[in-house]
């Protein structure tokens, strides 16, 4: 049984904000350009080209998808119920209007891959914590509150399936959550390969912050990964332990931050009860 010690780190966290598509390049052209310079990029430039891509038509990956906002930007997300999806709160904040976007602008595409998807639903409504303030941007006050639960118009989780939360994840004496292993997998649609799901594998939880509501991992994340699930392997299936929210550095080392399921599990339970009526 792993006990992750709570040690507060002073971090400069840069949220991996929703990726906007280039107005001039097609996705294929953009990918070719990125691949062409891959071997010449500085060491501190992060790309997703070493990640493993997966078949989004197969379980459990079909429950992960893109959160499209207003046809201009995207984040990643995951189905966590028949009509519920999880993403990052900052994905739903409009830099242009300095307000949260209206739900009708948000779409969830489960099992998205290269322009196709297993199921689609508009977002009927969503909740973010009252403490989240998008106008603060990357301020540390937002870190434990950067999550959002989307209520979908259609119960697409019935056919696509959904990711279950880690059933034994709980806080331990003000320290870290009790987990069998620190190993995690992060899944998302990064901006440099925005049209195919890829996995950042063999990552470790390095620290926990804010009373186990925030985790620091050595996963690498990019714009567009925000809102993607942080998973652990449990037997023959995957369970959700958090949501990706930010990229950061510890010294010169690239790292990522996420909100743990302890932050939103109670809100999810309430929504599950209300949407099942």
Protein backbone atom coordinates (compact mmCIF):
# COMPACT_ATOMS: atom_id res chain seq x y z
CA UNK A 1 0.00 0.00 0.00
CA UNK A 2 1.52 3.30 -1.10
CA UNK A 3 1.33 6.35 1.11
CA UNK A 4 2.16 9.48 -0.81
CA UNK A 5 3.53 12.12 1.55
CA UNK A 6 2.04 15.59 1.29
CA UNK A 7 4.79 18.14 0.69
CA UNK A 8 3.86 21.57 -0.60
CA UNK A 9 5.86 22.59 -3.64
CA UNK A 10 6.00 26.11 -5.01
CA UNK A 11 5.19 25.47 -8.67
CA UNK A 12 4.57 27.68 -11.64
CA UNK A 13 1.78 25.77 -13.38
CA UNK A 14 0.89 26.66 -16.93
CA UNK A 15 -2.57 25.32 -17.83
CA UNK A 16 -2.71 23.32 -21.02
CA UNK A 17 -5.49 25.47 -22.40
CA UNK A 18 -7.94 24.28 -25.01
CA UNK A 19 -6.20 23.88 -28.33
CA UNK A 20 -7.32 26.15 -31.16
CA UNK A 21 -6.84 24.82 -34.68
CA UNK A 22 -4.70 26.74 -37.16
CA UNK A 23 -6.80 28.74 -39.58
CA UNK A 24 -4.64 28.02 -42.62
CA UNK A 25 -3.23 24.50 -42.25
CA UNK A 26 -5.27 21.35 -42.47
CA UNK A 27 -4.70 18.86 -39.62
CA UNK A 28 -2.67 16.66 -41.99
CA UNK A 29 -0.45 19.58 -43.06
CA UNK A 30 0.08 20.64 -39.48
CA UNK A 31 1.06 17.10 -38.50
CA UNK A 32 3.55 16.80 -41.38
CA UNK A 33 5.20 20.09 -40.41
CA UNK A 34 5.52 19.04 -36.79
CA UNK A 35 6.96 15.66 -37.75
CA UNK A 36 9.43 17.30 -40.13
CA UNK A 37 11.07 19.27 -37.33
CA UNK A 38 10.73 16.63 -34.63
CA UNK A 39 14.40 15.66 -34.79
CA UNK A 40 15.57 19.28 -34.53
CA UNK A 41 13.41 20.50 -31.65
CA UNK A 42 15.12 21.83 -28.51
CA UNK A 43 15.08 19.47 -25.54
CA UNK A 44 12.57 21.59 -23.64
CA UNK A 45 9.95 21.44 -26.41
CA UNK A 46 7.36 18.78 -25.61
CA UNK A 47 5.64 16.78 -28.36
CA UNK A 48 3.38 13.74 -28.35
CA UNK A 49 5.06 11.82 -31.16
CA UNK A 50 6.54 9.18 -28.85
CA UNK A 51 3.16 8.32 -27.40
CA UNK A 52 1.25 5.18 -28.28
CA UNK A 53 -1.95 5.78 -30.22
CA UNK A 54 -4.96 3.55 -29.58
CA UNK A 55 -8.05 2.37 -31.43
CA UNK A 56 -10.85 4.65 -30.23
CA UNK A 57 -13.50 2.18 -31.37
CA UNK A 58 -12.41 -0.31 -28.70
CA UNK A 59 -13.09 -0.34 -24.96
CA UNK A 60 -12.16 1.45 -22.80
CA UNK A 61 -10.85 4.07 -25.23
CA UNK A 62 -14.26 4.59 -26.85
CA UNK A 63 -15.39 6.24 -23.59
CA UNK A 64 -12.71 8.92 -24.01
CA UNK A 65 -13.32 11.74 -26.46
CA UNK A 66 -12.95 15.33 -27.49
CA UNK A 67 -14.74 18.24 -25.88
CA UNK A 68 -15.31 20.71 -28.71
CA UNK A 69 -16.07 24.28 -27.71
CA UNK A 70 -17.80 26.57 -30.17
CA UNK A 71 -16.17 24.91 -33.17
CA UNK A 72 -12.92 26.81 -32.44
CA UNK A 73 -11.18 24.99 -29.61
CA UNK A 74 -10.98 21.58 -28.02
CA UNK A 75 -10.02 19.79 -24.86
CA UNK A 76 -10.09 16.14 -23.91
CA UNK A 77 -12.66 14.41 -21.74
CA UNK A 78 -14.09 11.09 -20.64
CA UNK A 79 -17.52 9.61 -20.08
CA UNK A 80 -18.05 8.96 -16.37
CA UNK A 81 -21.74 8.04 -16.57
CA UNK A 82 -24.48 7.37 -19.10
CA UNK A 83 -25.07 11.10 -19.50
CA UNK A 84 -22.03 12.51 -17.74
CA UNK A 85 -18.56 13.48 -18.92
CA UNK A 86 -15.52 14.87 -17.12
CA UNK A 87 -13.15 17.59 -18.33
CA UNK A 88 -11.18 20.57 -16.98
CA UNK A 89 -12.97 23.73 -15.88
CA UNK A 90 -10.55 26.08 -17.64
CA UNK A 91 -11.56 24.50 -20.96
CA UNK A 92 -14.98 26.09 -20.56
CA UNK A 93 -13.71 29.59 -19.82
CA UNK A 94 -13.74 32.03 -22.73
CA UNK A 95 -10.66 34.24 -22.85
CA UNK A 96 -12.52 36.51 -25.26
CA UNK A 97 -15.57 37.22 -23.09
CA UNK A 98 -13.89 36.47 -19.74
CA UNK A 99 -16.87 34.32 -18.79
CA UNK A 100 -17.73 30.64 -18.79
CA UNK A 101 -19.17 29.52 -22.13
CA UNK A 102 -22.84 28.66 -22.46
CA UNK A 103 -23.48 24.89 -22.41
CA UNK A 104 -25.03 24.87 -25.88
CA UNK A 105 -21.62 25.69 -27.40
CA UNK A 106 -20.06 22.52 -26.00
CA UNK A 107 -20.14 19.11 -27.70
CA UNK A 108 -18.74 15.77 -26.55
CA UNK A 109 -17.51 13.31 -29.19
CA UNK A 110 -16.89 9.89 -27.67
CA UNK A 111 -14.37 7.65 -29.40
CA UNK A 112 -13.22 10.47 -31.67
CA UNK A 113 -10.59 9.57 -34.27
CA UNK A 114 -9.63 11.40 -37.46
CA UNK A 115 -12.96 13.16 -37.92
CA UNK A 116 -15.13 10.19 -36.98
CA UNK A 117 -16.58 9.25 -33.62
CA UNK A 118 -18.58 6.56 -31.90
CA UNK A 119 -21.21 8.86 -30.44
CA UNK A 120 -21.93 12.57 -30.13
CA UNK A 121 -23.98 14.65 -27.75
CA UNK A 122 -24.50 18.30 -27.07
CA UNK A 123 -23.96 19.43 -23.51
CA UNK A 124 -27.18 20.27 -21.70
CA UNK A 125 -25.53 21.77 -18.65
CA UNK A 126 -22.32 21.60 -16.66
CA UNK A 127 -21.01 22.32 -13.19
CA UNK A 128 -17.67 23.70 -12.04
CA UNK A 129 -16.71 24.42 -8.42
CA UNK A 130 -17.86 27.75 -7.04
CA UNK A 131 -14.23 28.41 -6.11
CA UNK A 132 -13.01 28.23 -9.71
CA UNK A 133 -12.32 31.67 -11.18
CA UNK A 134 -11.31 31.60 -14.83
CA UNK A 135 -10.19 35.22 -14.74
CA UNK A 136 -7.31 34.19 -12.47
CA UNK A 137 -5.84 31.98 -15.18
CA UNK A 138 -2.99 29.81 -13.90
CA UNK A 139 -3.20 31.14 -10.35
CA UNK A 140 -2.51 28.44 -7.77
CA UNK A 141 -5.89 29.17 -6.17
CA UNK A 142 -7.54 27.46 -9.15
CA UNK A 143 -5.50 24.26 -9.07
CA UNK A 144 -7.75 22.11 -6.82
CA UNK A 145 -10.92 23.42 -8.49
CA UNK A 146 -10.06 22.95 -12.17
CA UNK A 147 -12.63 20.27 -12.99
CA UNK A 148 -16.00 20.23 -14.72
CA UNK A 149 -18.78 17.67 -15.00
CA UNK A 150 -20.85 17.85 -18.17
CA UNK A 151 -24.46 16.70 -18.31
CA UNK A 152 -25.11 15.47 -21.84
CA UNK A 153 -28.37 15.69 -23.74
CA UNK A 154 -28.12 12.06 -24.82
CA UNK A 155 -27.18 8.95 -22.77
CA UNK A 156 -24.31 7.97 -25.04
CA UNK A 157 -22.57 6.22 -22.16
CA UNK A 158 -25.11 3.42 -22.52
CA UNK A 159 -23.55 2.32 -25.79
CA UNK A 160 -19.98 3.58 -25.45
CA UNK A 161 -19.46 2.66 -21.83
CA UNK A 162 -17.88 4.92 -19.24
CA UNK A 163 -14.87 5.00 -16.95
CA UNK A 164 -15.42 4.16 -13.29
CA UNK A 165 -13.71 6.02 -10.48
CA UNK A 166 -11.15 4.18 -8.36
CA UNK A 167 -13.37 2.60 -5.70
CA UNK A 168 -10.79 2.58 -2.91
CA UNK A 169 -9.28 6.01 -3.47
CA UNK A 170 -9.51 8.04 -0.27
CA UNK A 171 -7.51 10.61 1.61
CA UNK A 172 -5.23 9.35 4.37
CA UNK A 173 -4.63 11.46 7.45
CA UNK A 174 -4.19 14.67 5.49
CA UNK A 175 -1.55 13.06 3.28
CA UNK A 176 -1.89 11.43 -0.12
CA UNK A 177 -4.59 9.08 -1.37
CA UNK A 178 -4.02 5.41 -0.61
CA UNK A 179 -3.20 3.63 -3.86
CA UNK A 180 -1.63 0.29 -4.67
CA UNK A 181 0.83 1.88 -7.10
CA UNK A 182 2.05 5.34 -8.13
CA UNK A 183 1.95 4.36 -11.82
CA UNK A 184 -0.59 6.21 -13.99
CA UNK A 185 -1.58 6.62 -17.62
CA UNK A 186 -2.82 9.91 -19.10
CA UNK A 187 -4.99 9.93 -22.23
CA UNK A 188 -5.82 12.85 -24.47
CA UNK A 189 -5.90 14.66 -27.80
CA UNK A 190 -2.80 16.89 -27.74
CA UNK A 191 -2.61 19.84 -30.10
CA UNK A 192 0.13 18.36 -32.27
CA UNK A 193 -1.99 15.23 -32.89
CA UNK A 194 -5.42 16.61 -32.14
CA UNK A 195 -7.37 14.06 -34.16
CA UNK A 196 -6.19 10.80 -32.63
CA UNK A 197 -6.18 9.55 -29.05
CA UNK A 198 -2.75 8.90 -27.57
CA UNK A 199 -1.50 7.67 -24.22
CA UNK A 200 1.24 9.05 -22.00
CA UNK A 201 2.28 5.82 -20.30
CA UNK A 202 4.59 4.70 -17.49
CA UNK A 203 4.11 7.92 -15.55
CA UNK A 204 4.37 8.20 -11.79
CA UNK A 205 2.62 10.29 -9.19
CA UNK A 206 5.43 12.34 -7.70
CA UNK A 207 3.56 14.36 -5.11
CA UNK A 208 0.12 15.37 -3.88
CA UNK A 209 -1.02 18.85 -2.89
CA UNK A 210 -4.05 20.65 -1.48
CA UNK A 211 -5.20 17.88 0.85
CA UNK A 212 -4.92 15.21 -1.85
CA UNK A 213 -7.01 17.21 -4.35
CA UNK A 214 -4.09 17.88 -6.72
CA UNK A 215 -1.45 15.47 -8.00
CA UNK A 216 1.92 16.15 -9.56
CA UNK A 217 3.03 13.53 -12.09
CA UNK A 218 5.96 13.10 -14.44
CA UNK A 219 3.59 12.70 -17.40
CA UNK A 220 4.18 15.11 -20.28
CA UNK A 221 1.14 17.10 -21.38
CA UNK A 222 0.38 19.55 -24.16
CA UNK A 223 -2.38 21.94 -25.10
CA UNK A 224 -5.46 19.89 -25.87
CA UNK A 225 -4.65 17.24 -23.25
CA UNK A 226 -6.49 19.24 -20.60
CA UNK A 227 -9.56 17.43 -19.36
CA UNK A 228 -8.23 14.02 -20.34
CA UNK A 229 -8.49 11.23 -17.78
CA UNK A 230 -5.65 10.08 -15.54
CA UNK A 231 -6.03 6.31 -15.24
CA UNK A 232 -4.65 3.35 -13.36
CA UNK A 233 -4.74 -0.30 -14.38
CA UNK A 234 -6.80 -2.39 -11.98
CA UNK A 235 -6.82 -6.04 -12.93
CA UNK A 236 -8.03 -6.24 -16.51
CA UNK A 237 -9.58 -2.79 -16.65
CA UNK A 238 -8.77 0.87 -16.09
CA UNK A 239 -10.11 3.12 -13.34
CA UNK A 240 -10.10 6.90 -13.20
CA UNK A 241 -8.12 8.65 -10.48
CA UNK A 242 -8.03 12.20 -11.84
CA UNK A 243 -8.24 14.69 -14.68
CA UNK A 244 -5.36 16.43 -16.48
CA UNK A 245 -5.25 20.18 -15.92
CA UNK A 246 -1.81 21.74 -16.35
CA UNK A 247 1.75 21.36 -17.51
CA UNK A 248 4.56 22.61 -15.31
CA UNK A 249 8.26 22.29 -14.59
CA UNK A 250 10.07 21.16 -11.47
CA UNK A 251 13.49 22.65 -11.96
CA UNK A 252 14.28 21.77 -15.57
CA UNK A 253 12.10 18.68 -15.60
CA UNK A 254 8.79 18.69 -17.44
CA UNK A 255 5.84 17.56 -15.34
CA UNK A 256 2.05 17.72 -15.24
CA UNK A 257 -0.64 18.43 -12.73
CA UNK A 258 -4.11 17.04 -12.34
CA UNK A 259 -7.10 17.20 -10.06
CA UNK A 260 -7.68 13.93 -8.21
CA UNK A 261 -11.05 12.18 -8.11
CA UNK A 262 -11.30 13.08 -4.43
CA UNK A 263 -12.12 16.63 -5.54
CA UNK A 264 -15.17 15.76 -7.65
CA UNK A 265 -16.38 12.31 -6.54
CA UNK A 266 -19.18 13.64 -4.33
CA UNK A 267 -20.42 16.00 -7.04
CA UNK A 268 -20.40 13.11 -9.50
CA UNK A 269 -22.47 10.96 -7.15
CA UNK A 270 -25.08 13.71 -6.85
CA UNK A 271 -25.26 14.17 -10.60
CA UNK A 272 -25.54 10.42 -11.16
CA UNK A 273 -28.52 10.33 -8.81
CA UNK A 274 -30.24 13.29 -10.48
CA UNK A 275 -29.69 12.15 -14.08
CA UNK A 276 -30.90 8.60 -13.39
CA UNK A 277 -34.35 9.75 -12.29
